[in-house]
Protein backbone atom coordinates (compact mmCIF):
# COMPACT_ATOMS: atom_id res chain seq x y z
CA MET A 1 -31.53 -43.32 41.60
CA THR A 2 -30.85 -42.68 37.92
CA ASP A 3 -31.85 -46.18 36.78
CA ARG A 4 -28.50 -46.34 35.02
CA LEU A 5 -25.61 -48.75 35.44
CA PHE A 6 -22.43 -47.54 37.13
CA LYS A 7 -20.44 -48.23 33.97
CA ASP A 8 -22.74 -45.79 32.13
CA LEU A 9 -22.05 -43.04 34.70
CA GLU A 10 -18.36 -43.44 35.49
CA ASN A 11 -15.76 -40.95 34.36
CA ASN A 12 -17.62 -37.82 33.22
CA ASN A 13 -20.64 -39.66 31.83
CA TRP A 14 -22.65 -38.80 34.96
CA ILE A 15 -23.20 -35.39 33.34
CA ASN A 16 -25.64 -37.10 30.95
CA ALA A 17 -27.95 -37.93 33.88
CA LEU A 18 -28.40 -34.24 34.70
CA CYS A 19 -31.11 -31.89 33.57
CA GLU A 20 -30.07 -30.97 30.03
CA SER A 21 -30.41 -27.22 30.60
CA THR A 22 -27.88 -27.34 33.49
CA ARG A 23 -25.28 -29.72 32.04
CA GLU A 24 -22.97 -27.07 30.61
CA GLU A 25 -22.93 -25.01 33.83
CA VAL A 26 -22.31 -28.06 36.02
CA ASN A 27 -19.67 -29.43 33.65
CA ASP A 28 -17.85 -26.07 33.58
CA SER A 29 -17.86 -25.95 37.38
CA TRP A 30 -16.67 -29.58 37.57
CA GLN A 31 -13.84 -28.94 35.09
CA ALA A 32 -12.80 -25.81 37.04
CA ALA A 33 -12.57 -27.91 40.22
CA ILE A 34 -10.40 -30.48 38.44
CA ASP A 35 -8.19 -27.86 36.78
CA ASN A 36 -7.71 -25.98 40.07
CA LYS A 37 -7.31 -29.17 42.16
CA ARG A 38 -10.11 -28.23 44.53
CA ASN A 39 -13.24 -29.79 45.92
CA PHE A 40 -16.51 -29.60 44.01
CA GLU A 41 -19.92 -28.61 45.34
CA HIS A 42 -22.99 -27.91 43.24
CA GLU A 43 -26.77 -28.13 43.32
CA ILE A 44 -27.85 -30.52 40.59
CA ILE A 45 -31.04 -31.90 39.09
CA ILE A 46 -30.90 -35.55 38.06
CA ILE A 47 -33.35 -36.98 35.53
CA ASP A 48 -34.01 -40.73 35.72
CA SER A 49 -35.15 -43.05 32.94
CA LYS A 50 -38.79 -42.46 33.89
CA ASN A 51 -38.28 -38.70 33.42
CA ARG A 52 -38.56 -38.03 37.15
CA ALA A 53 -36.46 -35.14 38.44
CA PHE A 54 -34.49 -35.21 41.68
CA SER A 55 -32.79 -32.26 43.32
CA ALA A 56 -29.55 -32.99 45.16
CA LYS A 57 -26.43 -31.33 46.47
CA CYS A 58 -23.31 -32.91 44.99
CA HIS A 59 -20.13 -32.94 47.09
CA ALA A 60 -16.89 -34.30 45.64
CA VAL A 61 -13.68 -34.18 47.66
CA ARG A 62 -10.32 -34.34 45.93
CA GLN A 63 -8.21 -37.14 47.35
CA ASP A 64 -4.42 -37.16 47.75
CA ASP A 65 -4.09 -39.29 44.60
CA GLY A 66 -5.98 -36.66 42.56
CA LYS A 67 -9.15 -38.72 42.26
CA TYR A 68 -12.49 -37.53 43.61
CA MET A 69 -14.80 -39.20 46.10
CA GLY A 70 -18.32 -37.87 45.87
CA LYS A 71 -21.74 -38.12 47.40
CA LEU A 72 -25.21 -36.70 46.92
CA VAL A 73 -27.06 -35.22 49.89
CA ASN A 74 -30.48 -33.67 50.48
CA ILE A 75 -31.99 -35.72 47.65
CA ARG A 76 -35.66 -35.08 46.98
CA GLN A 77 -37.98 -35.80 44.11
CA LEU A 78 -39.26 -32.65 42.42
CA LYS A 79 -42.91 -32.16 41.66
CA ASP A 80 -43.81 -31.58 38.01
CA SER A 81 -44.46 -27.93 38.81
CA GLU A 82 -40.88 -27.61 40.16
CA LYS A 83 -39.16 -29.18 37.13
CA THR A 84 -37.18 -26.72 35.05
CA CYS A 85 -35.91 -29.23 32.48
């Protein structure tokens, strides 16, 4: 969906695929989830390499080993008039 390779998104580099104006808020929320050892849920806007915006709900569940398993749901492409980036 982002037109990026997995190796470019792994670890915390996925933040770079988000709408620039929301990165700090999402990153702060993500770091709080990690620090507090809790699950993560956030509405995000992903920007692909063609500058298309996609809205999605991000769910990441903390596993017993401390790693997170995540998924995106309710993905939809935003119209230009809906883009806030």
